[in-house]
C-alpha atoms as a PDB file:
ATOM      1  CA  MET A   1     106.346 111.385  95.752  1.00  0.00           C
ATOM      2  CA  TYR A   2     103.722 113.593  94.151  1.00  0.00           C
ATOM      3  CA  LYS A   3      99.945 113.224  93.923  1.00  0.00           C
ATOM      4  CA  LYS A   4      97.571 112.988  90.993  1.00  0.00           C
ATOM      5  CA  LEU A   5      94.081 111.731  90.261  1.00  0.00           C
ATOM      6  CA  GLN A   6      93.884 108.631  88.106  1.00  0.00           C
ATOM      7  CA  ARG A   7      91.133 106.316  86.970  1.00  0.00           C
ATOM      8  CA  PHE A   8      91.691 102.561  86.823  1.00  0.00           C
ATOM      9  CA  LEU A   9      89.538 100.224  84.754  1.00  0.00           C
ATOM     10  CA  PHE A  10      88.452  97.221  86.782  1.00  0.00           C
ATOM     11  CA  PRO A  11      86.276  94.551  85.151  1.00  0.00           C
ATOM     12  CA  GLU A  12      83.367  95.595  87.347  1.00  0.00           C
ATOM     13  CA  LYS A  13      83.581  99.380  86.783  1.00  0.00           C
ATOM     14  CA  PRO A  14      86.142 102.218  86.692  1.00  0.00           C
ATOM     15  CA  TYR A  15      87.277 103.805  89.973  1.00  0.00           C
ATOM     16  CA  TRP A  16      89.188 106.999  90.721  1.00  0.00           C
ATOM     17  CA  TYR A  17      92.098 107.103  93.183  1.00  0.00           C
ATOM     18  CA  LEU A  18      94.314 109.813  94.589  1.00  0.00           C
ATOM     19  CA  ILE A  19      97.668 108.368  93.554  1.00  0.00           C
ATOM     20  CA  HIS A  20     101.106 108.909  95.090  1.00  0.00           C
ATOM     21  CA  ARG A  21     104.036 108.120  92.823  1.00  0.00           C
ATOM     22  CA  ALA A  22     107.615 109.157  92.204  1.00  0.00           C
ATOM     23  CA  GLN A  23     108.228 111.372  89.193  1.00  0.00           C
ATOM     24  CA  THR A  24     110.679 108.793  87.883  1.00  0.00           C
ATOM     25  CA  GLU A  25     107.920 106.163  87.677  1.00  0.00           C
ATOM     26  CA  PRO A  26     105.994 106.120  84.374  1.00  0.00           C
ATOM     27  CA  SER A  27     102.272 106.837  84.566  1.00  0.00           C
ATOM     28  CA  LEU A  28     100.276 103.619  84.324  1.00  0.00           C
ATOM     29  CA  SER A  29      97.982 103.194  81.351  1.00  0.00           C
ATOM     30  CA  LEU A  30      94.193 102.937  81.484  1.00  0.00           C
ATOM     31  CA  GLN A  31      94.257  99.418  80.144  1.00  0.00           C
ATOM     32  CA  THR A  32      91.690  97.151  81.777  1.00  0.00           C
ATOM     33  CA  LEU A  33      92.973  95.344  84.859  1.00  0.00           C
ATOM     34  CA  LYS A  34      92.590  91.564  84.866  1.00  0.00           C
ATOM     35  CA  PRO A  35      91.638  89.768  88.109  1.00  0.00           C
ATOM     36  CA  LEU A  36      93.885  87.077  89.604  1.00  0.00           C
ATOM     37  CA  PRO A  37      91.486  84.885  91.618  1.00  0.00           C
ATOM     38  CA  HIS A  38      94.162  82.283  92.352  1.00  0.00           C
ATOM     39  CA  LEU A  39      96.004  84.905  94.441  1.00  0.00           C
ATOM     40  CA  ASP A  40      92.818  86.103  96.112  1.00  0.00           C
ATOM     41  CA  ARG A  41      92.265  82.621  97.521  1.00  0.00           C
ATOM     42  CA  HIS A  42      95.502  82.849  99.533  1.00  0.00           C
ATOM     43  CA  ALA A  43      95.148  86.428 100.788  1.00  0.00           C
ATOM     44  CA  SER A  44      92.712  88.893 102.312  1.00  0.00           C
ATOM     45  CA  SER A  45      93.325  91.327  99.447  1.00  0.00           C
ATOM     46  CA  HIS A  46      92.184  91.370  95.820  1.00  0.00           C
ATOM     47  CA  PHE A  47      94.795  91.174  93.068  1.00  0.00           C
ATOM     48  CA  TYR A  48      94.729  92.402  89.472  1.00  0.00           C
ATOM     49  CA  ILE A  49      97.378  92.490  86.769  1.00  0.00           C
ATOM     50  CA  GLN A  50      98.059  94.889  83.932  1.00  0.00           C
ATOM     51  CA  PRO A  51     100.170  92.803  81.501  1.00  0.00           C
ATOM     52  CA  LYS A  52     101.167  95.712  79.257  1.00  0.00           C
ATOM     53  CA  SER A  53     102.960  97.526  82.093  1.00  0.00           C
ATOM     54  CA  SER A  54     103.848  94.314  84.001  1.00  0.00           C
ATOM     55  CA  THR A  55     102.166  95.728  87.092  1.00  0.00           C
ATOM     56  CA  LEU A  56     100.490  93.841  89.918  1.00  0.00           C
ATOM     57  CA  PHE A  57      97.724  95.703  91.748  1.00  0.00           C
ATOM     58  CA  LYS A  58      96.813  94.889  95.341  1.00  0.00           C
ATOM     59  CA  LEU A  59      93.444  96.222  96.487  1.00  0.00           C
ATOM     60  CA  VAL A  60      92.300  96.082 100.106  1.00  0.00           C
ATOM     61  CA  ARG A  61      88.551  95.995 100.666  1.00  0.00           C
ATOM     62  CA  ASP A  62      86.867  97.968 103.447  1.00  0.00           C
ATOM     63  CA  LYS A  63      86.350  95.811 106.518  1.00  0.00           C
ATOM     64  CA  TYR A  64      82.791  97.007 107.120  1.00  0.00           C
ATOM     65  CA  SER A  65      79.815  97.674 104.883  1.00  0.00           C
ATOM     66  CA  PRO A  66      77.833 100.958 105.068  1.00  0.00           C
ATOM     67  CA  LYS A  67      74.639  98.924 104.748  1.00  0.00           C
ATOM     68  CA  ASP A  68      75.410  96.341 107.434  1.00  0.00           C
ATOM     69  CA  ASP A  69      77.508  98.331 109.935  1.00  0.00           C
ATOM     70  CA  PHE A  70      77.364 102.016 109.043  1.00  0.00           C
ATOM     71  CA  TRP A  71      79.046 103.518 112.119  1.00  0.00           C
ATOM     72  CA  ARG A  72      82.002 101.121 112.127  1.00  0.00           C
ATOM     73  CA  TRP A  73      82.392 101.612 108.379  1.00  0.00           C
ATOM     74  CA  LEU A  74      82.351 105.397 108.827  1.00  0.00           C
ATOM     75  CA  GLY A  75      84.676 105.410 111.832  1.00  0.00           C
ATOM     76  CA  ARG A  76      87.232 102.795 110.788  1.00  0.00           C
ATOM     77  CA  ASP A  77      87.210 102.577 107.000  1.00  0.00           C
ATOM     78  CA  ILE A  78      86.459 106.195 106.111  1.00  0.00           C
ATOM     79  CA  ILE A  79      87.626 108.475 108.933  1.00  0.00           C
ATOM     80  CA  ALA A  80      90.460 106.459 110.522  1.00  0.00           C
ATOM     81  CA  LYS A  81      91.855 105.066 107.273  1.00  0.00           C
ATOM     82  CA  ARG A  82      91.000 107.168 104.233  1.00  0.00           C
ATOM     83  CA  LEU A  83      90.628 110.638 105.732  1.00  0.00           C
ATOM     84  CA  ALA A  84      93.397 110.273 108.338  1.00  0.00           C
ATOM     85  CA  GLY A  85      95.803 108.794 105.775  1.00  0.00           C
ATOM     86  CA  SER A  86      96.413 105.475 107.518  1.00  0.00           C
ATOM     87  CA  PHE A  87      95.060 103.329 104.683  1.00  0.00           C
ATOM     88  CA  ASP A  88      96.780 100.000 104.052  1.00  0.00           C
ATOM     89  CA  ALA A  89      98.757 101.010 100.959  1.00  0.00           C
ATOM     90  CA  HIS A  90     100.326 103.974 102.768  1.00  0.00           C
ATOM     91  CA  LYS A  91     101.334 101.744 105.679  1.00  0.00           C
ATOM     92  CA  GLU A  92     102.828  99.222 103.259  1.00  0.00           C
ATOM     93  CA  PHE A  93     104.790 101.922 101.426  1.00  0.00           C
ATOM     94  CA  THR A  94     106.288 103.395 104.607  1.00  0.00           C
ATOM     95  CA  SER A  95     107.086  99.904 105.938  1.00  0.00           C
ATOM     96  CA  ARG A  96     108.840  99.065 102.676  1.00  0.00           C
ATOM     97  CA  ARG A  97     111.150 102.032 103.166  1.00  0.00           C
ATOM     98  CA  ILE A  98     112.179 100.657 106.572  1.00  0.00           C
ATOM     99  CA  LEU A  99     113.118  97.302 105.034  1.00  0.00           C
ATOM    100  CA  GLU A 100     115.012  98.984 102.209  1.00  0.00           C
ATOM    101  CA  GLN A 101     116.990 101.105 104.673  1.00  0.00           C
ATOM    102  CA  LEU A 102     118.115  97.846 106.276  1.00  0.00           C
ATOM    103  CA  GLY A 103     119.291  96.574 102.892  1.00  0.00           C
ATOM    104  CA  GLN A 104     116.533  93.994 102.522  1.00  0.00           C
ATOM    105  CA  HIS A 105     114.903  93.316  99.163  1.00  0.00           C
ATOM    106  CA  THR A 106     111.367  94.439  98.333  1.00  0.00           C
ATOM    107  CA  VAL A 107     109.292  94.732  95.172  1.00  0.00           C
ATOM    108  CA  ALA A 108     109.534  98.004  93.232  1.00  0.00           C
ATOM    109  CA  VAL A 109     106.458 100.177  93.830  1.00  0.00           C
ATOM    110  CA  ARG A 110     104.835 101.883  90.842  1.00  0.00           C
ATOM    111  CA  CYS A 111     102.335 103.900  92.878  1.00  0.00           C
ATOM    112  CA  TYR A 112      99.916 103.704  95.785  1.00  0.00           C
ATOM    113  CA  GLY A 113      96.643 105.452  96.443  1.00  0.00           C
ATOM    114  CA  VAL A 114      93.313 105.821  98.210  1.00  0.00           C
ATOM    115  CA  ALA A 115      89.805 105.731  96.744  1.00  0.00           C
ATOM    116  CA  LEU A 116      88.041 109.087  96.466  1.00  0.00           C
ATOM    117  CA  ASN A 117      84.550 107.640  96.241  1.00  0.00           C
ATOM    118  CA  PHE A 118      83.520 106.492  99.723  1.00  0.00           C
ATOM    119  CA  LEU A 119      81.169 103.959  98.127  1.00  0.00           C
ATOM    120  CA  ASN A 120      84.084 102.270  96.367  1.00  0.00           C
ATOM    121  CA  PRO A 121      84.694  99.297  98.696  1.00  0.00           C
ATOM    122  CA  LEU A 122      88.279  98.850  97.381  1.00  0.00           C
ATOM    123  CA  GLY A 123      89.606 101.725  99.432  1.00  0.00           C
ATOM    124  CA  SER A 124      93.358 101.052  99.232  1.00  0.00           C
ATOM    125  CA  LEU A 125      95.420 100.563  96.045  1.00  0.00           C
ATOM    126  CA  TYR A 126      99.055  99.421  95.888  1.00  0.00           C
ATOM    127  CA  ALA A 127     100.704  98.876  92.491  1.00  0.00           C
ATOM    128  CA  MET A 128     104.034  97.084  92.226  1.00  0.00           C
ATOM    129  CA  GLU A 129     106.258  95.430  89.669  1.00  0.00           C
ATOM    130  CA  HIS A 130     104.980  92.008  88.661  1.00  0.00           C
ATOM    131  CA  MET A 131     107.804  89.558  89.364  1.00  0.00           C
ATOM    132  CA  GLY A 132     106.880  86.596  87.219  1.00  0.00           C
ATOM    133  CA  ASN A 133     110.064  84.513  87.518  1.00  0.00           C
ATOM    134  CA  CYS A 134     109.948  84.015  91.277  1.00  0.00           C
ATOM    135  CA  LEU A 135     108.720  81.342  93.652  1.00  0.00           C
ATOM    136  CA  THR A 136     106.718  81.949  96.785  1.00  0.00           C
ATOM    137  CA  GLY A 137     108.514  81.111 100.008  1.00  0.00           C
ATOM    138  CA  SER A 138     106.286  78.075 100.560  1.00  0.00           C
ATOM    139  CA  THR A 139     106.880  76.654  97.087  1.00  0.00           C
ATOM    140  CA  TYR A 140     110.619  77.276  97.285  1.00  0.00           C
ATOM    141  CA  PHE A 141     110.856  75.652 100.729  1.00  0.00           C
ATOM    142  CA  GLU A 142     109.226  72.486  99.368  1.00  0.00           C
ATOM    143  CA  THR A 143     111.930  72.166  96.689  1.00  0.00           C
ATOM    144  CA  LEU A 144     114.798  72.144  99.207  1.00  0.00           C
ATOM    145  CA  ASP A 145     116.503  69.181 100.821  1.00  0.00           C
ATOM    146  CA  GLU A 146     117.025  69.078 104.589  1.00  0.00           C
ATOM    147  CA  ALA A 147     120.299  71.013 104.542  1.00  0.00           C
ATOM    148  CA  GLY A 148     118.804  73.607 102.240  1.00  0.00           C
ATOM    149  CA  ARG A 149     115.796  74.073 104.515  1.00  0.00           C
ATOM    150  CA  HIS A 150     117.990  74.635 107.560  1.00  0.00           C
ATOM    151  CA  ALA A 151     120.035  77.182 105.584  1.00  0.00           C
ATOM    152  CA  PHE A 152     116.855  78.916 104.449  1.00  0.00           C
ATOM    153  CA  ILE A 153     115.599  79.207 108.045  1.00  0.00           C
ATOM    154  CA  ASP A 154     118.945  80.709 109.040  1.00  0.00           C
ATOM    155  CA  THR A 155     118.730  83.296 106.246  1.00  0.00           C
ATOM    156  CA  LEU A 156     115.127  84.142 107.116  1.00  0.00           C
ATOM    157  CA  SER A 157     115.927  84.487 110.816  1.00  0.00           C
ATOM    158  CA  LEU A 158     118.843  86.852 110.120  1.00  0.00           C
ATOM    159  CA  GLN A 159     116.529  89.243 108.286  1.00  0.00           C
ATOM    160  CA  ILE A 160     113.907  89.093 111.031  1.00  0.00           C
ATOM    161  CA  ILE A 161     116.593  89.696 113.685  1.00  0.00           C
ATOM    162  CA  GLN A 162     117.911  92.662 111.723  1.00  0.00           C
ATOM    163  CA  LEU A 163     114.410  94.141 111.683  1.00  0.00           C
ATOM    164  CA  ALA A 164     113.950  93.419 115.404  1.00  0.00           C
ATOM    165  CA  ASN A 165     117.241  95.162 116.218  1.00  0.00           C
ATOM    166  CA  ALA A 166     115.837  98.217 114.429  1.00  0.00           C
ATOM    167  CA  GLY A 167     112.764  98.024 116.686  1.00  0.00           C
ATOM    168  CA  TYR A 168     110.224  96.438 114.320  1.00  0.00           C
ATOM    169  CA  TYR A 169     108.530  93.156 113.481  1.00  0.00           C
ATOM    170  CA  HIS A 170     106.555  91.816 110.511  1.00  0.00           C
ATOM    171  CA  ARG A 171     102.850  92.134 111.232  1.00  0.00           C
ATOM    172  CA  ASP A 172     102.003  89.099 109.071  1.00  0.00           C
ATOM    173  CA  LEU A 173     105.064  86.883 108.912  1.00  0.00           C
ATOM    174  CA  HIS A 174     104.655  83.761 106.797  1.00  0.00           C
ATOM    175  CA  LEU A 175     106.355  82.112 103.830  1.00  0.00           C
ATOM    176  CA  ASP A 176     103.822  83.305 101.262  1.00  0.00           C
ATOM    177  CA  ASN A 177     104.582  86.936 102.067  1.00  0.00           C
ATOM    178  CA  LEU A 178     107.997  86.620 100.469  1.00  0.00           C
ATOM    179  CA  LEU A 179     109.354  85.559  97.097  1.00  0.00           C
ATOM    180  CA  ILE A 180     112.606  83.916  96.077  1.00  0.00           C
ATOM    181  CA  ASP A 181     114.052  85.494  92.947  1.00  0.00           C
ATOM    182  CA  GLU A 182     116.354  83.995  90.324  1.00  0.00           C
ATOM    183  CA  GLN A 183     119.417  84.925  92.426  1.00  0.00           C
ATOM    184  CA  GLN A 184     117.962  82.986  95.412  1.00  0.00           C
ATOM    185  CA  GLN A 185     117.367  86.230  97.295  1.00  0.00           C
ATOM    186  CA  LEU A 186     114.455  86.766  99.681  1.00  0.00           C
ATOM    187  CA  VAL A 187     112.120  89.480  98.414  1.00  0.00           C
ATOM    188  CA  TRP A 188     109.462  90.767 100.816  1.00  0.00           C
ATOM    189  CA  ILE A 189     106.102  91.300  99.099  1.00  0.00           C
ATOM    190  CA  ASP A 190     103.919  92.133 102.106  1.00  0.00           C
ATOM    191  CA  THR A 191     105.922  94.802 103.868  1.00  0.00           C
ATOM    192  CA  HIS A 192     103.677  95.734 106.782  1.00  0.00           C
ATOM    193  CA  VAL A 193     105.932  96.200 109.806  1.00  0.00           C
ATOM    194  CA  LYS A 194     105.091  97.572 113.247  1.00  0.00           C
ATOM    195  CA  SER A 195     107.082  98.747 116.243  1.00  0.00           C
ATOM    196  CA  LEU A 196     108.030  96.011 118.683  1.00  0.00           C
ATOM    197  CA  PRO A 197     106.261  96.433 122.043  1.00  0.00           C
ATOM    198  CA  THR A 198     108.404  97.109 125.095  1.00  0.00           C
ATOM    199  CA  SER A 199     106.632  94.429 127.128  1.00  0.00           C
ATOM    200  CA  SER A 200     108.568  91.154 127.195  1.00  0.00           C
ATOM    201  CA  LYS A 201     105.301  89.232 127.537  1.00  0.00           C
ATOM    202  CA  LYS A 202     103.826  90.862 124.431  1.00  0.00           C
ATOM    203  CA  ARG A 203     106.990  90.279 122.422  1.00  0.00           C
ATOM    204  CA  LYS A 204     107.020  86.569 123.279  1.00  0.00           C
ATOM    205  CA  ALA A 205     103.328  86.334 122.338  1.00  0.00           C
ATOM    206  CA  LEU A 206     104.118  87.970 118.978  1.00  0.00           C
ATOM    207  CA  LEU A 207     106.832  85.392 118.334  1.00  0.00           C
ATOM    208  CA  GLU A 208     104.562  82.459 119.160  1.00  0.00           C
ATOM    209  CA  ASN A 209     101.814  83.851 116.942  1.00  0.00           C
ATOM    210  CA  ALA A 210     104.286  84.347 114.079  1.00  0.00           C
ATOM    211  CA  LEU A 211     105.520  80.751 114.402  1.00  0.00           C
ATOM    212  CA  ALA A 212     101.980  79.389 114.476  1.00  0.00           C
ATOM    213  CA  ASN A 213     101.091  81.269 111.275  1.00  0.00           C
ATOM    214  CA  SER A 214     104.464  80.900 109.529  1.00  0.00           C
ATOM    215  CA  ARG A 215     103.316  78.200 107.068  1.00  0.00           C
ATOM    216  CA  ILE A 216     106.543  76.374 107.839  1.00  0.00           C
ATOM    217  CA  PRO A 217     105.283  72.798 107.543  1.00  0.00           C
ATOM    218  CA  THR A 218     107.413  70.920 110.101  1.00  0.00           C
ATOM    219  CA  ASP A 219     107.960  71.365 113.842  1.00  0.00           C
ATOM    220  CA  THR A 220     111.713  70.868 113.400  1.00  0.00           C
ATOM    221  CA  TYR A 221     112.107  73.989 111.272  1.00  0.00           C
ATOM    222  CA  ARG A 222     109.684  76.061 113.342  1.00  0.00           C
ATOM    223  CA  GLU A 223     111.695  75.163 116.432  1.00  0.00           C
ATOM    224  CA  GLN A 224     114.897  76.165 114.646  1.00  0.00           C
ATOM    225  CA  LEU A 225     113.333  79.555 113.853  1.00  0.00           C
ATOM    226  CA  ARG A 226     112.108  79.929 117.454  1.00  0.00           C
ATOM    227  CA  ASN A 227     115.587  79.255 118.844  1.00  0.00           C
ATOM    228  CA  ARG A 228     117.137  81.811 116.497  1.00  0.00           C
ATOM    229  CA  LEU A 229     114.585  84.540 117.240  1.00  0.00           C
ATOM    230  CA  ALA A 230     113.818  84.031 120.931  1.00  0.00           C
ATOM    231  CA  PRO A 231     116.716  86.207 122.254  1.00  0.00           C
ATOM    232  CA  TYR A 232     115.397  89.147 120.227  1.00  0.00           C
ATOM    233  CA  PHE A 233     111.714  88.912 121.199  1.00  0.00           C
END
């Protein structure tokens, strides 16, 4: 990966980012980015698309405002994240590499970056291939019959177990953080992973929290997932 400065044209105003990208990836154009409010409603991030390059942009807003909570904004959003390099897009990029090393499918990354202007509230930028011919995990799950749903839970659990055996877990595990492509493969689109804690109590709490937020609609399938994952958490 190498770094460069690049300006992106949002509908509100242009912003500059320090961009990290592989030399093999083409430089993205300065075409205006179009908002995707229907995705924003289901996530804590803001999404934009650049149709010409078929690129989906994920922008993470600062948690605090300099007007309303200056010291927390300075400490968390500016110093801890932007200046220390632990901004969301960097975490997502490094997590994606872990999943890829395990042979799991992720979305191709065009670039990622951090805002240079501290007054730009969209501090983290992550640009990825726009996969238009896929279904979200939730939508796909609804299309399946009972046997298909049980098979899907088995496939999902195998990937989570593989990650757990490598010492990690998905920070935000739910069906809308993965896509199903035209080959019926699971493709992870939110790739934030963290190290599993050594404490058995904490690991079990992580599992219960993941099940509660999984967006799996029926107790039967959540219980199936719990039974598959419990020995590894």
